[in-house]
Amino acid sequence: GAEMLVIATRRAGGLSGFFLGSVTQQLIRHSGCPVMVVRVE
C-alpha cells in the first residue's frame, strides 16, 4: 500500500466547494496512512 497520500486542493465556492471538501475530509479520516493536503492557487 501507499506510505503517504498527497492531495492538492483549491478553495472552491458553492456546492463544488462542499463536495471537494467532504472528499478530502473522508480521505483524512479513513486513510490507513498519513495524508498531506497541499493548497494550490
PDB file of N, CA and C in Angstrom:
ATOM      1  N   GLY A   1       0.812  -1.185   0.000  1.00  0.00           N
ATOM      2  CA  GLY A   1       0.000   0.000   0.000  1.00  0.00           C
ATOM      3  C   GLY A   1       0.860   1.255   0.000  1.00  0.00           C
ATOM      4  N   ALA A   2       0.186   2.353  -0.007  1.00  0.00           N
ATOM      5  CA  ALA A   2       0.853   3.655  -0.025  1.00  0.00           C
ATOM      6  C   ALA A   2       1.421   3.988   1.349  1.00  0.00           C
ATOM      7  N   GLU A   3       2.542   4.691   1.355  1.00  0.00           N
ATOM      8  CA  GLU A   3       3.132   5.161   2.610  1.00  0.00           C
ATOM      9  C   GLU A   3       2.578   6.515   3.008  1.00  0.00           C
ATOM     10  N   MET A   4       2.170   7.324   2.019  1.00  0.00           N
ATOM     11  CA  MET A   4       1.609   8.649   2.285  1.00  0.00           C
ATOM     12  C   MET A   4       0.791   9.088   1.076  1.00  0.00           C
ATOM     13  N   LEU A   5      -0.321   9.778   1.340  1.00  0.00           N
ATOM     14  CA  LEU A   5      -1.115  10.385   0.276  1.00  0.00           C
ATOM     15  C   LEU A   5      -0.861  11.885   0.280  1.00  0.00           C
ATOM     16  N   VAL A   6      -0.646  12.455  -0.904  1.00  0.00           N
ATOM     17  CA  VAL A   6      -0.505  13.902  -1.042  1.00  0.00           C
ATOM     18  C   VAL A   6      -1.649  14.354  -1.940  1.00  0.00           C
ATOM     19  N   ILE A   7      -2.474  15.249  -1.412  1.00  0.00           N
ATOM     20  CA  ILE A   7      -3.666  15.707  -2.118  1.00  0.00           C
ATOM     21  C   ILE A   7      -3.546  17.198  -2.373  1.00  0.00           C
ATOM     22  N   ALA A   8      -3.732  17.602  -3.629  1.00  0.00           N
ATOM     23  CA  ALA A   8      -3.769  19.024  -3.967  1.00  0.00           C
ATOM     24  C   ALA A   8      -5.219  19.470  -3.961  1.00  0.00           C
ATOM     25  N   THR A   9      -5.493  20.575  -3.306  1.00  0.00           N
ATOM     26  CA  THR A   9      -6.858  21.091  -3.244  1.00  0.00           C
ATOM     27  C   THR A   9      -6.828  22.594  -3.442  1.00  0.00           C
ATOM     28  N   ARG A  10      -7.937  23.114  -3.903  1.00  0.00           N
ATOM     29  CA  ARG A  10      -8.074  24.566  -4.001  1.00  0.00           C
ATOM     30  C   ARG A  10      -9.425  24.937  -3.476  1.00  0.00           C
ATOM     31  N   ARG A  11      -9.521  26.118  -2.982  1.00  0.00           N
ATOM     32  CA  ARG A  11     -10.773  26.573  -2.383  1.00  0.00           C
ATOM     33  C   ARG A  11     -11.783  26.827  -3.492  1.00  0.00           C
ATOM     34  N   ALA A  12     -12.911  26.178  -3.403  1.00  0.00           N
ATOM     35  CA  ALA A  12     -13.986  26.399  -4.370  1.00  0.00           C
ATOM     36  C   ALA A  12     -15.234  26.814  -3.604  1.00  0.00           C
ATOM     37  N   GLY A  13     -16.070  27.554  -4.248  1.00  0.00           N
ATOM     38  CA  GLY A  13     -17.287  28.011  -3.589  1.00  0.00           C
ATOM     39  C   GLY A  13     -18.485  27.153  -3.958  1.00  0.00           C
ATOM     40  N   GLY A  14     -19.558  27.380  -3.283  1.00  0.00           N
ATOM     41  CA  GLY A  14     -20.811  26.710  -3.602  1.00  0.00           C
ATOM     42  C   GLY A  14     -20.780  25.217  -3.367  1.00  0.00           C
ATOM     43  N   LEU A  15     -21.587  24.512  -4.136  1.00  0.00           N
ATOM     44  CA  LEU A  15     -21.725  23.063  -3.974  1.00  0.00           C
ATOM     45  C   LEU A  15     -20.428  22.330  -4.281  1.00  0.00           C
ATOM     46  N   SER A  16     -19.684  22.759  -5.311  1.00  0.00           N
ATOM     47  CA  SER A  16     -18.437  22.061  -5.632  1.00  0.00           C
ATOM     48  C   SER A  16     -17.428  22.201  -4.503  1.00  0.00           C
ATOM     49  N   GLY A  17     -17.408  23.335  -3.831  1.00  0.00           N
ATOM     50  CA  GLY A  17     -16.514  23.514  -2.687  1.00  0.00           C
ATOM     51  C   GLY A  17     -16.869  22.586  -1.550  1.00  0.00           C
ATOM     52  N   PHE A  18     -18.155  22.398  -1.318  1.00  0.00           N
ATOM     53  CA  PHE A  18     -18.603  21.472  -0.277  1.00  0.00           C
ATOM     54  C   PHE A  18     -18.216  20.050  -0.641  1.00  0.00           C
ATOM     55  N   PHE A  19     -18.438  19.657  -1.889  1.00  0.00           N
ATOM     56  CA  PHE A  19     -18.147  18.290  -2.326  1.00  0.00           C
ATOM     57  C   PHE A  19     -16.662  17.987  -2.222  1.00  0.00           C
ATOM     58  N   LEU A  20     -15.817  18.859  -2.753  1.00  0.00           N
ATOM     59  CA  LEU A  20     -14.375  18.615  -2.704  1.00  0.00           C
ATOM     60  C   LEU A  20     -13.879  18.596  -1.270  1.00  0.00           C
ATOM     61  N   GLY A  21     -14.414  19.464  -0.450  1.00  0.00           N
ATOM     62  CA  GLY A  21     -14.026  19.478   0.953  1.00  0.00           C
ATOM     63  C   GLY A  21     -14.414  18.190   1.659  1.00  0.00           C
ATOM     64  N   SER A  22     -15.593  17.660   1.333  1.00  0.00           N
ATOM     65  CA  SER A  22     -16.042  16.443   2.002  1.00  0.00           C
ATOM     66  C   SER A  22     -15.220  15.239   1.566  1.00  0.00           C
ATOM     67  N   VAL A  23     -14.794  15.196   0.306  1.00  0.00           N
ATOM     68  CA  VAL A  23     -13.944  14.098  -0.168  1.00  0.00           C
ATOM     69  C   VAL A  23     -12.604  14.140   0.553  1.00  0.00           C
ATOM     70  N   THR A  24     -12.024  15.314   0.672  1.00  0.00           N
ATOM     71  CA  THR A  24     -10.754  15.464   1.386  1.00  0.00           C
ATOM     72  C   THR A  24     -10.900  15.035   2.834  1.00  0.00           C
ATOM     73  N   GLN A  25     -11.975  15.442   3.485  1.00  0.00           N
ATOM     74  CA  GLN A  25     -12.206  15.054   4.876  1.00  0.00           C
ATOM     75  C   GLN A  25     -12.317  13.541   5.021  1.00  0.00           C
ATOM     76  N   GLN A  26     -13.000  12.887   4.114  1.00  0.00           N
ATOM     77  CA  GLN A  26     -13.139  11.429   4.182  1.00  0.00           C
ATOM     78  C   GLN A  26     -11.796  10.737   3.993  1.00  0.00           C
ATOM     79  N   LEU A  27     -10.979  11.234   3.085  1.00  0.00           N
ATOM     80  CA  LEU A  27      -9.644  10.655   2.895  1.00  0.00           C
ATOM     81  C   LEU A  27      -8.806  10.794   4.159  1.00  0.00           C
ATOM     82  N   ILE A  28      -8.867  11.959   4.782  1.00  0.00           N
ATOM     83  CA  ILE A  28      -8.094  12.185   6.005  1.00  0.00           C
ATOM     84  C   ILE A  28      -8.572  11.251   7.115  1.00  0.00           C
ATOM     85  N   ARG A  29      -9.867  11.109   7.263  1.00  0.00           N
ATOM     86  CA  ARG A  29     -10.424  10.291   8.351  1.00  0.00           C
ATOM     87  C   ARG A  29     -10.209   8.798   8.167  1.00  0.00           C
ATOM     88  N   HIS A  30     -10.278   8.317   6.934  1.00  0.00           N
ATOM     89  CA  HIS A  30     -10.312   6.875   6.709  1.00  0.00           C
ATOM     90  C   HIS A  30      -9.059   6.303   6.062  1.00  0.00           C
ATOM     91  N   SER A  31      -8.083   7.135   5.790  1.00  0.00           N
ATOM     92  CA  SER A  31      -6.852   6.647   5.177  1.00  0.00           C
ATOM     93  C   SER A  31      -6.070   5.798   6.169  1.00  0.00           C
ATOM     94  N   GLY A  32      -5.437   4.779   5.667  1.00  0.00           N
ATOM     95  CA  GLY A  32      -4.606   3.934   6.517  1.00  0.00           C
ATOM     96  C   GLY A  32      -3.175   4.425   6.603  1.00  0.00           C
ATOM     97  N   CYS A  33      -2.922   5.620   6.039  1.00  0.00           N
ATOM     98  CA  CYS A  33      -1.573   6.183   6.063  1.00  0.00           C
ATOM     99  C   CYS A  33      -1.688   7.700   6.234  1.00  0.00           C
ATOM    100  N   PRO A  34      -0.575   8.372   6.499  1.00  0.00           N
ATOM    101  CA  PRO A  34      -0.616   9.837   6.635  1.00  0.00           C
ATOM    102  C   PRO A  34      -1.097  10.513   5.346  1.00  0.00           C
ATOM    103  N   VAL A  35      -1.787  11.638   5.504  1.00  0.00           N
ATOM    104  CA  VAL A  35      -2.300  12.409   4.371  1.00  0.00           C
ATOM    105  C   VAL A  35      -1.777  13.834   4.482  1.00  0.00           C
ATOM    106  N   MET A  36      -1.173  14.331   3.397  1.00  0.00           N
ATOM    107  CA  MET A  36      -0.725  15.726   3.345  1.00  0.00           C
ATOM    108  C   MET A  36      -1.611  16.455   2.339  1.00  0.00           C
ATOM    109  N   VAL A  37      -2.249  17.534   2.783  1.00  0.00           N
ATOM    110  CA  VAL A  37      -3.112  18.324   1.911  1.00  0.00           C
ATOM    111  C   VAL A  37      -2.374  19.601   1.550  1.00  0.00           C
ATOM    112  N   VAL A  38      -2.203  19.830   0.241  1.00  0.00           N
ATOM    113  CA  VAL A  38      -1.484  20.998  -0.257  1.00  0.00           C
ATOM    114  C   VAL A  38      -2.475  21.881  -0.995  1.00  0.00           C
ATOM    115  N   ARG A  39      -2.557  23.138  -0.584  1.00  0.00           N
ATOM    116  CA  ARG A  39      -3.465  24.070  -1.255  1.00  0.00           C
ATOM    117  C   ARG A  39      -2.752  24.717  -2.429  1.00  0.00           C
ATOM    118  N   VAL A  40      -3.369  24.663  -3.597  1.00  0.00           N
ATOM    119  CA  VAL A  40      -2.819  25.304  -4.788  1.00  0.00           C
ATOM    120  C   VAL A  40      -3.658  26.526  -5.113  1.00  0.00           C
ATOM    121  N   GLU A  41      -3.040  27.483  -5.770  1.00  0.00           N
ATOM    122  CA  GLU A  41      -3.764  28.709  -6.123  1.00  0.00           C
ATOM    123  C   GLU A  41      -3.825  28.884  -7.602  1.00  0.00           C
TER     124      GLU A  41
END
